[in-house]
Amino acid sequence: MQSVKEDRTPRMGTFYTPLVQFKTAAGVEVTATSKSGQNRRYVIGQSILVLYDRDDPQNLQIDAFWSRWLVVIAAIFFALVFFGIGTGVFVFHR
């Protein structure tokens, strides 16, 4: 990691967006800013895992639990809510 940008918002607190340098699987050296900020502070020079688009390595994000699973968890939550509503409507209107 080469540098860290700090963004403060009143509602969400402070997010840190690192500028990282890495080598792709094809051996191309890339320097880019993460598309996703994290709420933990990073140390310059620290190694972090990133996920990047093979066709556009500049499009990357930090490989963290929430960056991988947030959309999946939200989809499961809403699926369960709608399943519960549907089941309730089905049972009470029988």
PDB file of N, CA and C in Angstrom:
ATOM      1  N   MET A   1       0.837  -1.154   0.000  1.00  0.00           N
ATOM      2  CA  MET A   1       0.000   0.000   0.000  1.00  0.00           C
ATOM      3  C   MET A   1       0.892   1.231   0.000  1.00  0.00           C
ATOM      4  N   GLN A   2       0.545   2.204  -0.845  1.00  0.00           N
ATOM      5  CA  GLN A   2       1.384   3.393  -0.987  1.00  0.00           C
ATOM      6  C   GLN A   2       0.885   4.591  -0.190  1.00  0.00           C
ATOM      7  N   SER A   3      -0.432   4.764  -0.128  1.00  0.00           N
ATOM      8  CA  SER A   3      -0.995   5.872   0.643  1.00  0.00           C
ATOM      9  C   SER A   3      -2.425   5.530   1.028  1.00  0.00           C
ATOM     10  N   VAL A   4      -2.982   6.337   1.915  1.00  0.00           N
ATOM     11  CA  VAL A   4      -4.353   6.108   2.376  1.00  0.00           C
ATOM     12  C   VAL A   4      -5.097   7.435   2.372  1.00  0.00           C
ATOM     13  N   LYS A   5      -6.280   7.439   1.755  1.00  0.00           N
ATOM     14  CA  LYS A   5      -7.133   8.621   1.758  1.00  0.00           C
ATOM     15  C   LYS A   5      -8.157   8.440   2.874  1.00  0.00           C
ATOM     16  N   GLU A   6      -8.355   9.471   3.665  1.00  0.00           N
ATOM     17  CA  GLU A   6      -9.283   9.418   4.785  1.00  0.00           C
ATOM     18  C   GLU A   6     -10.520  10.244   4.449  1.00  0.00           C
ATOM     19  N   ASP A   7     -11.700   9.618   4.490  1.00  0.00           N
ATOM     20  CA  ASP A   7     -12.966  10.312   4.231  1.00  0.00           C
ATOM     21  C   ASP A   7     -13.821  10.245   5.486  1.00  0.00           C
ATOM     22  N   ARG A   8     -14.281  11.415   5.937  1.00  0.00           N
ATOM     23  CA  ARG A   8     -15.133  11.470   7.129  1.00  0.00           C
ATOM     24  C   ARG A   8     -16.542  11.888   6.727  1.00  0.00           C
ATOM     25  N   THR A   9     -17.521  11.157   7.236  1.00  0.00           N
ATOM     26  CA  THR A   9     -18.916  11.507   7.027  1.00  0.00           C
ATOM     27  C   THR A   9     -19.603  11.533   8.389  1.00  0.00           C
ATOM     28  N   PRO A  10     -20.547  12.430   8.582  1.00  0.00           N
ATOM     29  CA  PRO A  10     -21.217  12.517   9.880  1.00  0.00           C
ATOM     30  C   PRO A  10     -22.008  11.247  10.227  1.00  0.00           C
ATOM     31  N   ARG A  11     -22.595  10.622   9.239  1.00  0.00           N
ATOM     32  CA  ARG A  11     -23.436   9.452   9.501  1.00  0.00           C
ATOM     33  C   ARG A  11     -22.655   8.155   9.616  1.00  0.00           C
ATOM     34  N   MET A  12     -21.660   7.971   8.772  1.00  0.00           N
ATOM     35  CA  MET A  12     -20.973   6.681   8.688  1.00  0.00           C
ATOM     36  C   MET A  12     -19.604   6.673   9.370  1.00  0.00           C
ATOM     37  N   GLY A  13     -19.133   7.811   9.819  1.00  0.00           N
ATOM     38  CA  GLY A  13     -17.824   7.844  10.460  1.00  0.00           C
ATOM     39  C   GLY A  13     -16.701   8.017   9.453  1.00  0.00           C
ATOM     40  N   THR A  14     -15.557   7.451   9.760  1.00  0.00           N
ATOM     41  CA  THR A  14     -14.371   7.605   8.920  1.00  0.00           C
ATOM     42  C   THR A  14     -14.120   6.344   8.107  1.00  0.00           C
ATOM     43  N   PHE A  15     -13.864   6.534   6.822  1.00  0.00           N
ATOM     44  CA  PHE A  15     -13.500   5.434   5.930  1.00  0.00           C
ATOM     45  C   PHE A  15     -12.131   5.709   5.344  1.00  0.00           C
ATOM     46  N   TYR A  16     -11.359   4.660   5.192  1.00  0.00           N
ATOM     47  CA  TYR A  16     -10.000   4.761   4.665  1.00  0.00           C
ATOM     48  C   TYR A  16      -9.942   4.043   3.323  1.00  0.00           C
ATOM     49  N   THR A  17      -9.486   4.753   2.302  1.00  0.00           N
ATOM     50  CA  THR A  17      -9.392   4.199   0.958  1.00  0.00           C
ATOM     51  C   THR A  17      -7.925   4.143   0.553  1.00  0.00           C
ATOM     52  N   PRO A  18      -7.364   2.931   0.441  1.00  0.00           N
ATOM     53  CA  PRO A  18      -5.931   2.836   0.134  1.00  0.00           C
ATOM     54  C   PRO A  18      -5.611   2.931  -1.358  1.00  0.00           C
ATOM     55  N   LEU A  19      -4.457   3.505  -1.642  1.00  0.00           N
ATOM     56  CA  LEU A  19      -3.854   3.465  -2.974  1.00  0.00           C
ATOM     57  C   LEU A  19      -2.870   2.305  -2.929  1.00  0.00           C
ATOM     58  N   VAL A  20      -3.106   1.299  -3.757  1.00  0.00           N
ATOM     59  CA  VAL A  20      -2.285   0.089  -3.696  1.00  0.00           C
ATOM     60  C   VAL A  20      -1.515  -0.123  -4.988  1.00  0.00           C
ATOM     61  N   GLN A  21      -0.419  -0.816  -4.863  1.00  0.00           N
ATOM     62  CA  GLN A  21       0.383  -1.220  -6.015  1.00  0.00           C
ATOM     63  C   GLN A  21       0.500  -2.738  -5.939  1.00  0.00           C
ATOM     64  N   PHE A  22       0.191  -3.397  -7.054  1.00  0.00           N
ATOM     65  CA  PHE A  22       0.246  -4.856  -7.072  1.00  0.00           C
ATOM     66  C   PHE A  22       0.566  -5.351  -8.461  1.00  0.00           C
ATOM     67  N   LYS A  23       0.870  -6.625  -8.539  1.00  0.00           N
ATOM     68  CA  LYS A  23       1.157  -7.268  -9.822  1.00  0.00           C
ATOM     69  C   LYS A  23       0.027  -8.244 -10.103  1.00  0.00           C
ATOM     70  N   THR A  24      -0.564  -8.145 -11.301  1.00  0.00           N
ATOM     71  CA  THR A  24      -1.656  -9.036 -11.680  1.00  0.00           C
ATOM     72  C   THR A  24      -1.127 -10.441 -11.943  1.00  0.00           C
ATOM     73  N   ALA A  25      -2.049 -11.374 -12.121  1.00  0.00           N
ATOM     74  CA  ALA A  25      -1.662 -12.748 -12.431  1.00  0.00           C
ATOM     75  C   ALA A  25      -0.890 -12.815 -13.747  1.00  0.00           C
ATOM     76  N   ALA A  26      -1.156 -11.843 -14.649  1.00  0.00           N
ATOM     77  CA  ALA A  26      -0.451 -11.790 -15.927  1.00  0.00           C
ATOM     78  C   ALA A  26       0.899 -11.089 -15.812  1.00  0.00           C
ATOM     79  N   GLY A  27       1.237 -10.600 -14.612  1.00  0.00           N
ATOM     80  CA  GLY A  27       2.524  -9.960 -14.397  1.00  0.00           C
ATOM     81  C   GLY A  27       2.550  -8.469 -14.652  1.00  0.00           C
ATOM     82  N   VAL A  28       1.382  -7.844 -14.849  1.00  0.00           N
ATOM     83  CA  VAL A  28       1.310  -6.407 -15.106  1.00  0.00           C
ATOM     84  C   VAL A  28       1.319  -5.660 -13.771  1.00  0.00           C
ATOM     85  N   GLU A  29       2.179  -4.650 -13.653  1.00  0.00           N
ATOM     86  CA  GLU A  29       2.257  -3.827 -12.444  1.00  0.00           C
ATOM     87  C   GLU A  29       1.145  -2.780 -12.501  1.00  0.00           C
ATOM     88  N   VAL A  30       0.326  -2.690 -11.444  1.00  0.00           N
ATOM     89  CA  VAL A  30      -0.821  -1.782 -11.404  1.00  0.00           C
ATOM     90  C   VAL A  30      -0.758  -0.947 -10.123  1.00  0.00           C
ATOM     91  N   THR A  31      -1.043   0.345 -10.260  1.00  0.00           N
ATOM     92  CA  THR A  31      -1.215   1.223  -9.111  1.00  0.00           C
ATOM     93  C   THR A  31      -2.603   1.833  -9.238  1.00  0.00           C
ATOM     94  N   ALA A  32      -3.455   1.605  -8.229  1.00  0.00           N
ATOM     95  CA  ALA A  32      -4.834   2.074  -8.310  1.00  0.00           C
ATOM     96  C   ALA A  32      -5.397   2.284  -6.915  1.00  0.00           C
ATOM     97  N   THR A  33      -6.470   3.062  -6.859  1.00  0.00           N
ATOM     98  CA  THR A  33      -7.178   3.306  -5.610  1.00  0.00           C
ATOM     99  C   THR A  33      -8.338   2.334  -5.508  1.00  0.00           C
ATOM    100  N   SER A  34      -8.537   1.794  -4.322  1.00  0.00           N
ATOM    101  CA  SER A  34      -9.638   0.880  -4.086  1.00  0.00           C
ATOM    102  C   SER A  34     -10.965   1.584  -4.312  1.00  0.00           C
ATOM    103  N   LYS A  35     -11.934   0.871  -4.876  1.00  0.00           N
ATOM    104  CA  LYS A  35     -13.266   1.431  -5.092  1.00  0.00           C
ATOM    105  C   LYS A  35     -14.091   1.399  -3.819  1.00  0.00           C
ATOM    106  N   SER A  36     -13.639   0.646  -2.838  1.00  0.00           N
ATOM    107  CA  SER A  36     -14.377   0.532  -1.580  1.00  0.00           C
ATOM    108  C   SER A  36     -13.495   0.949  -0.417  1.00  0.00           C
ATOM    109  N   GLY A  37     -14.046   1.771   0.447  1.00  0.00           N
ATOM    110  CA  GLY A  37     -13.328   2.162   1.647  1.00  0.00           C
ATOM    111  C   GLY A  37     -13.639   1.198   2.779  1.00  0.00           C
ATOM    112  N   GLN A  38     -12.778   1.148   3.733  1.00  0.00           N
ATOM    113  CA  GLN A  38     -12.973   0.317   4.917  1.00  0.00           C
ATOM    114  C   GLN A  38     -12.972   1.221   6.133  1.00  0.00           C
ATOM    115  N   ASN A  39     -13.565   0.746   7.216  1.00  0.00           N
ATOM    116  CA  ASN A  39     -13.596   1.570   8.418  1.00  0.00           C
ATOM    117  C   ASN A  39     -12.416   1.285   9.343  1.00  0.00           C
ATOM    118  N   ARG A  40     -11.431   0.587   8.867  1.00  0.00           N
ATOM    119  CA  ARG A  40     -10.212   0.368   9.655  1.00  0.00           C
ATOM    120  C   ARG A  40      -9.041   1.062   8.984  1.00  0.00           C
ATOM    121  N   ARG A  41      -8.156   1.512   9.798  1.00  0.00           N
ATOM    122  CA  ARG A  41      -6.999   2.258   9.291  1.00  0.00           C
ATOM    123  C   ARG A  41      -5.931   1.288   8.808  1.00  0.00           C
ATOM    124  N   TYR A  42      -5.303   1.645   7.722  1.00  0.00           N
ATOM    125  CA  TYR A  42      -4.214   0.852   7.165  1.00  0.00           C
ATOM    126  C   TYR A  42      -2.890   1.563   7.393  1.00  0.00           C
ATOM    127  N   VAL A  43      -1.832   0.799   7.376  1.00  0.00           N
ATOM    128  CA  VAL A  43      -0.489   1.341   7.544  1.00  0.00           C
ATOM    129  C   VAL A  43       0.193   1.331   6.178  1.00  0.00           C
ATOM    130  N   ILE A  44       0.817   2.444   5.814  1.00  0.00           N
ATOM    131  CA  ILE A  44       1.520   2.512   4.527  1.00  0.00           C
ATOM    132  C   ILE A  44       2.618   1.454   4.520  1.00  0.00           C
ATOM    133  N   GLY A  45       2.660   0.685   3.442  1.00  0.00           N
ATOM    134  CA  GLY A  45       3.609  -0.419   3.323  1.00  0.00           C
ATOM    135  C   GLY A  45       3.002  -1.758   3.708  1.00  0.00           C
ATOM    136  N   GLN A  46       1.824  -1.724   4.314  1.00  0.00           N
ATOM    137  CA  GLN A  46       1.135  -2.949   4.728  1.00  0.00           C
ATOM    138  C   GLN A  46       0.670  -3.722   3.491  1.00  0.00           C
ATOM    139  N   SER A  47       0.764  -5.044   3.546  1.00  0.00           N
ATOM    140  CA  SER A  47       0.243  -5.879   2.458  1.00  0.00           C
ATOM    141  C   SER A  47      -1.228  -6.173   2.717  1.00  0.00           C
ATOM    142  N   ILE A  48      -2.044  -5.987   1.687  1.00  0.00           N
ATOM    143  CA  ILE A  48      -3.466  -6.320   1.787  1.00  0.00           C
ATOM    144  C   ILE A  48      -3.858  -7.102   0.549  1.00  0.00           C
ATOM    145  N   LEU A  49      -4.900  -7.897   0.676  1.00  0.00           N
ATOM    146  CA  LEU A  49      -5.430  -8.649  -0.459  1.00  0.00           C
ATOM    147  C   LEU A  49      -6.449  -7.792  -1.185  1.00  0.00           C
ATOM    148  N   VAL A  50      -6.417  -7.833  -2.511  1.00  0.00           N
ATOM    149  CA  VAL A  50      -7.376  -7.078  -3.307  1.00  0.00           C
ATOM    150  C   VAL A  50      -8.048  -8.007  -4.311  1.00  0.00           C
ATOM    151  N   LEU A  51      -9.248  -7.621  -4.692  1.00  0.00           N
ATOM    152  CA  LEU A  51      -9.979  -8.279  -5.774  1.00  0.00           C
ATOM    153  C   LEU A  51      -9.989  -7.297  -6.929  1.00  0.00           C
ATOM    154  N   TYR A  52      -9.657  -7.763  -8.124  1.00  0.00           N
ATOM    155  CA  TYR A  52      -9.625  -6.855  -9.259  1.00  0.00           C
ATOM    156  C   TYR A  52     -10.230  -7.524 -10.483  1.00  0.00           C
ATOM    157  N   ASP A  53     -10.702  -6.685 -11.387  1.00  0.00           N
ATOM    158  CA  ASP A  53     -11.259  -7.137 -12.658  1.00  0.00           C
ATOM    159  C   ASP A  53     -10.094  -7.494 -13.572  1.00  0.00           C
ATOM    160  N   ARG A  54     -10.064  -8.718 -14.052  1.00  0.00           N
ATOM    161  CA  ARG A  54      -8.972  -9.186 -14.905  1.00  0.00           C
ATOM    162  C   ARG A  54      -8.843  -8.331 -16.174  1.00  0.00           C
ATOM    163  N   ASP A  55      -9.988  -7.850 -16.706  1.00  0.00           N
ATOM    164  CA  ASP A  55      -9.961  -7.034 -17.921  1.00  0.00           C
ATOM    165  C   ASP A  55      -9.662  -5.563 -17.642  1.00  0.00           C
ATOM    166  N   ASP A  56      -9.856  -5.135 -16.400  1.00  0.00           N
ATOM    167  CA  ASP A  56      -9.604  -3.748 -16.007  1.00  0.00           C
ATOM    168  C   ASP A  56      -9.021  -3.734 -14.596  1.00  0.00           C
ATOM    169  N   PRO A  57      -7.727  -3.995 -14.437  1.00  0.00           N
ATOM    170  CA  PRO A  57      -7.114  -4.097 -13.111  1.00  0.00           C
ATOM    171  C   PRO A  57      -7.228  -2.832 -12.261  1.00  0.00           C
ATOM    172  N   GLN A  58      -7.503  -1.683 -12.895  1.00  0.00           N
ATOM    173  CA  GLN A  58      -7.712  -0.442 -12.129  1.00  0.00           C
ATOM    174  C   GLN A  58      -8.996  -0.518 -11.305  1.00  0.00           C
ATOM    175  N   ASN A  59      -9.908  -1.398 -11.705  1.00  0.00           N
ATOM    176  CA  ASN A  59     -11.174  -1.594 -11.002  1.00  0.00           C
ATOM    177  C   ASN A  59     -10.939  -2.646  -9.910  1.00  0.00           C
ATOM    178  N   LEU A  60     -10.638  -2.187  -8.711  1.00  0.00           N
ATOM    179  CA  LEU A  60     -10.326  -3.126  -7.636  1.00  0.00           C
ATOM    180  C   LEU A  60     -11.012  -2.723  -6.349  1.00  0.00           C
ATOM    181  N   GLN A  61     -11.096  -3.668  -5.443  1.00  0.00           N
ATOM    182  CA  GLN A  61     -11.585  -3.390  -4.094  1.00  0.00           C
ATOM    183  C   GLN A  61     -10.836  -4.267  -3.110  1.00  0.00           C
ATOM    184  N   ILE A  62     -10.856  -3.874  -1.871  1.00  0.00           N
ATOM    185  CA  ILE A  62     -10.175  -4.620  -0.825  1.00  0.00           C
ATOM    186  C   ILE A  62     -10.889  -5.943  -0.606  1.00  0.00           C
ATOM    187  N   ASP A  63     -10.132  -7.009  -0.496  1.00  0.00           N
ATOM    188  CA  ASP A  63     -10.701  -8.330  -0.241  1.00  0.00           C
ATOM    189  C   ASP A  63     -10.968  -8.461   1.258  1.00  0.00           C
ATOM    190  N   ALA A  64     -12.187  -8.111   1.650  1.00  0.00           N
ATOM    191  CA  ALA A  64     -12.591  -8.177   3.051  1.00  0.00           C
ATOM    192  C   ALA A  64     -13.943  -8.873   3.138  1.00  0.00           C
ATOM    193  N   PHE A  65     -14.307  -9.300   4.315  1.00  0.00           N
ATOM    194  CA  PHE A  65     -15.566 -10.021   4.516  1.00  0.00           C
ATOM    195  C   PHE A  65     -16.744  -9.258   3.927  1.00  0.00           C
ATOM    196  N   TRP A  66     -16.896  -7.972   4.280  1.00  0.00           N
ATOM    197  CA  TRP A  66     -18.059  -7.215   3.834  1.00  0.00           C
ATOM    198  C   TRP A  66     -18.059  -6.957   2.343  1.00  0.00           C
ATOM    199  N   SER A  67     -16.897  -6.776   1.734  1.00  0.00           N
ATOM    200  CA  SER A  67     -16.873  -6.525   0.290  1.00  0.00           C
ATOM    201  C   SER A  67     -17.310  -7.764  -0.485  1.00  0.00           C
ATOM    202  N   ARG A  68     -17.084  -8.936   0.073  1.00  0.00           N
ATOM    203  CA  ARG A  68     -17.509 -10.173  -0.590  1.00  0.00           C
ATOM    204  C   ARG A  68     -18.937 -10.565  -0.265  1.00  0.00           C
ATOM    205  N   TRP A  69     -19.376 -10.345   0.962  1.00  0.00           N
ATOM    206  CA  TRP A  69     -20.618 -10.947   1.434  1.00  0.00           C
ATOM    207  C   TRP A  69     -21.764  -9.989   1.695  1.00  0.00           C
ATOM    208  N   LEU A  70     -21.565  -8.678   1.672  1.00  0.00           N
ATOM    209  CA  LEU A  70     -22.636  -7.742   1.995  1.00  0.00           C
ATOM    210  C   LEU A  70     -23.853  -7.916   1.090  1.00  0.00           C
ATOM    211  N   VAL A  71     -23.649  -7.994  -0.211  1.00  0.00           N
ATOM    212  CA  VAL A  71     -24.767  -8.133  -1.144  1.00  0.00           C
ATOM    213  C   VAL A  71     -25.467  -9.477  -0.934  1.00  0.00           C
ATOM    214  N   VAL A  72     -24.705 -10.531  -0.699  1.00  0.00           N
ATOM    215  CA  VAL A  72     -25.287 -11.857  -0.477  1.00  0.00           C
ATOM    216  C   VAL A  72     -26.119 -11.860   0.802  1.00  0.00           C
ATOM    217  N   ILE A  73     -25.592 -11.280   1.874  1.00  0.00           N
ATOM    218  CA  ILE A  73     -26.315 -11.236   3.145  1.00  0.00           C
ATOM    219  C   ILE A  73     -27.597 -10.414   3.002  1.00  0.00           C
ATOM    220  N   ALA A  74     -27.513  -9.283   2.324  1.00  0.00           N
ATOM    221  CA  ALA A  74     -28.703  -8.456   2.107  1.00  0.00           C
ATOM    222  C   ALA A  74     -29.740  -9.203   1.279  1.00  0.00           C
ATOM    223  N   ALA A  75     -29.316  -9.910   0.235  1.00  0.00           N
ATOM    224  CA  ALA A  75     -30.250 -10.672  -0.599  1.00  0.00           C
ATOM    225  C   ALA A  75     -30.924 -11.783   0.205  1.00  0.00           C
ATOM    226  N   ILE A  76     -30.174 -12.480   1.025  1.00  0.00           N
ATOM    227  CA  ILE A  76     -30.752 -13.538   1.864  1.00  0.00           C
ATOM    228  C   ILE A  76     -31.744 -12.944   2.852  1.00  0.00           C
ATOM    229  N   PHE A  77     -31.386 -11.818   3.462  1.00  0.00           N
ATOM    230  CA  PHE A  77     -32.282 -11.162   4.407  1.00  0.00           C
ATOM    231  C   PHE A  77     -33.615 -10.820   3.748  1.00  0.00           C
ATOM    232  N   PHE A  78     -33.564 -10.158   2.588  1.00  0.00           N
ATOM    233  CA  PHE A  78     -34.798  -9.779   1.910  1.00  0.00           C
ATOM    234  C   PHE A  78     -35.568 -10.996   1.417  1.00  0.00           C
ATOM    235  N   ALA A  79     -34.861 -12.029   0.975  1.00  0.00           N
ATOM    236  CA  ALA A  79     -35.544 -13.260   0.551  1.00  0.00           C
ATOM    237  C   ALA A  79     -36.305 -13.866   1.724  1.00  0.00           C
ATOM    238  N   LEU A  80     -35.688 -13.895   2.895  1.00  0.00           N
ATOM    239  CA  LEU A  80     -36.362 -14.438   4.078  1.00  0.00           C
ATOM    240  C   LEU A  80     -37.555 -13.584   4.492  1.00  0.00           C
ATOM    241  N   VAL A  81     -37.409 -12.269   4.419  1.00  0.00           N
ATOM    242  CA  VAL A  81     -38.528 -11.382   4.754  1.00  0.00           C
ATOM    243  C   VAL A  81     -39.698 -11.634   3.807  1.00  0.00           C
ATOM    244  N   PHE A  82     -39.423 -11.658   2.503  1.00  0.00           N
ATOM    245  CA  PHE A  82     -40.501 -11.861   1.538  1.00  0.00           C
ATOM    246  C   PHE A  82     -41.077 -13.273   1.617  1.00  0.00           C
ATOM    247  N   PHE A  83     -40.241 -14.249   1.907  1.00  0.00           N
ATOM    248  CA  PHE A  83     -40.733 -15.610   2.101  1.00  0.00           C
ATOM    249  C   PHE A  83     -41.666 -15.653   3.305  1.00  0.00           C
ATOM    250  N   GLY A  84     -41.282 -14.978   4.381  1.00  0.00           N
ATOM    251  CA  GLY A  84     -42.126 -14.930   5.574  1.00  0.00           C
ATOM    252  C   GLY A  84     -43.449 -14.240   5.298  1.00  0.00           C
ATOM    253  N   ILE A  85     -43.419 -13.132   4.577  1.00  0.00           N
ATOM    254  CA  ILE A  85     -44.647 -12.424   4.220  1.00  0.00           C
ATOM    255  C   ILE A  85     -45.525 -13.306   3.339  1.00  0.00           C
ATOM    256  N   GLY A  86     -44.923 -13.938   2.340  1.00  0.00           N
ATOM    257  CA  GLY A  86     -45.687 -14.823   1.446  1.00  0.00           C
ATOM    258  C   GLY A  86     -46.300 -15.996   2.181  1.00  0.00           C
ATOM    259  N   THR A  87     -45.531 -16.587   3.087  1.00  0.00           N
ATOM    260  CA  THR A  87     -46.045 -17.712   3.873  1.00  0.00           C
ATOM    261  C   THR A  87     -47.187 -17.250   4.766  1.00  0.00           C
ATOM    262  N   GLY A  88     -47.021 -16.086   5.386  1.00  0.00           N
ATOM    263  CA  GLY A  88     -48.083 -15.546   6.244  1.00  0.00           C
ATOM    264  C   GLY A  88     -49.360 -15.286   5.462  1.00  0.00           C
ATOM    265  N   VAL A  89     -49.252 -14.683   4.293  1.00  0.00           N
ATOM    266  CA  VAL A  89     -50.425 -14.418   3.454  1.00  0.00           C
ATOM    267  C   VAL A  89     -51.073 -15.738   3.035  1.00  0.00           C
ATOM    268  N   PHE A  90     -50.266 -16.702   2.647  1.00  0.00           N
ATOM    269  CA  PHE A  90     -50.797 -18.004   2.214  1.00  0.00           C
ATOM    270  C   PHE A  90     -51.543 -18.697   3.352  1.00  0.00           C
ATOM    271  N   VAL A  91     -50.965 -18.712   4.544  1.00  0.00           N
ATOM    272  CA  VAL A  91     -51.574 -19.411   5.682  1.00  0.00           C
ATOM    273  C   VAL A  91     -52.857 -18.730   6.137  1.00  0.00           C
ATOM    274  N   PHE A  92     -52.862 -17.405   6.225  1.00  0.00           N
ATOM    275  CA  PHE A  92     -54.022 -16.687   6.733  1.00  0.00           C
ATOM    276  C   PHE A  92     -55.155 -16.550   5.724  1.00  0.00           C
ATOM    277  N   HIS A  93     -54.885 -16.747   4.440  1.00  0.00           N
ATOM    278  CA  HIS A  93     -55.933 -16.640   3.420  1.00  0.00           C
ATOM    279  C   HIS A  93     -56.382 -17.990   2.887  1.00  0.00           C
ATOM    280  N   ARG A  94     -56.054 -19.034   3.572  1.00  0.00           N
ATOM    281  CA  ARG A  94     -56.452 -20.378   3.131  1.00  0.00           C
ATOM    282  C   ARG A  94     -57.881 -20.600   3.370  1.00  0.00           C
TER     283      ARG A  94
END
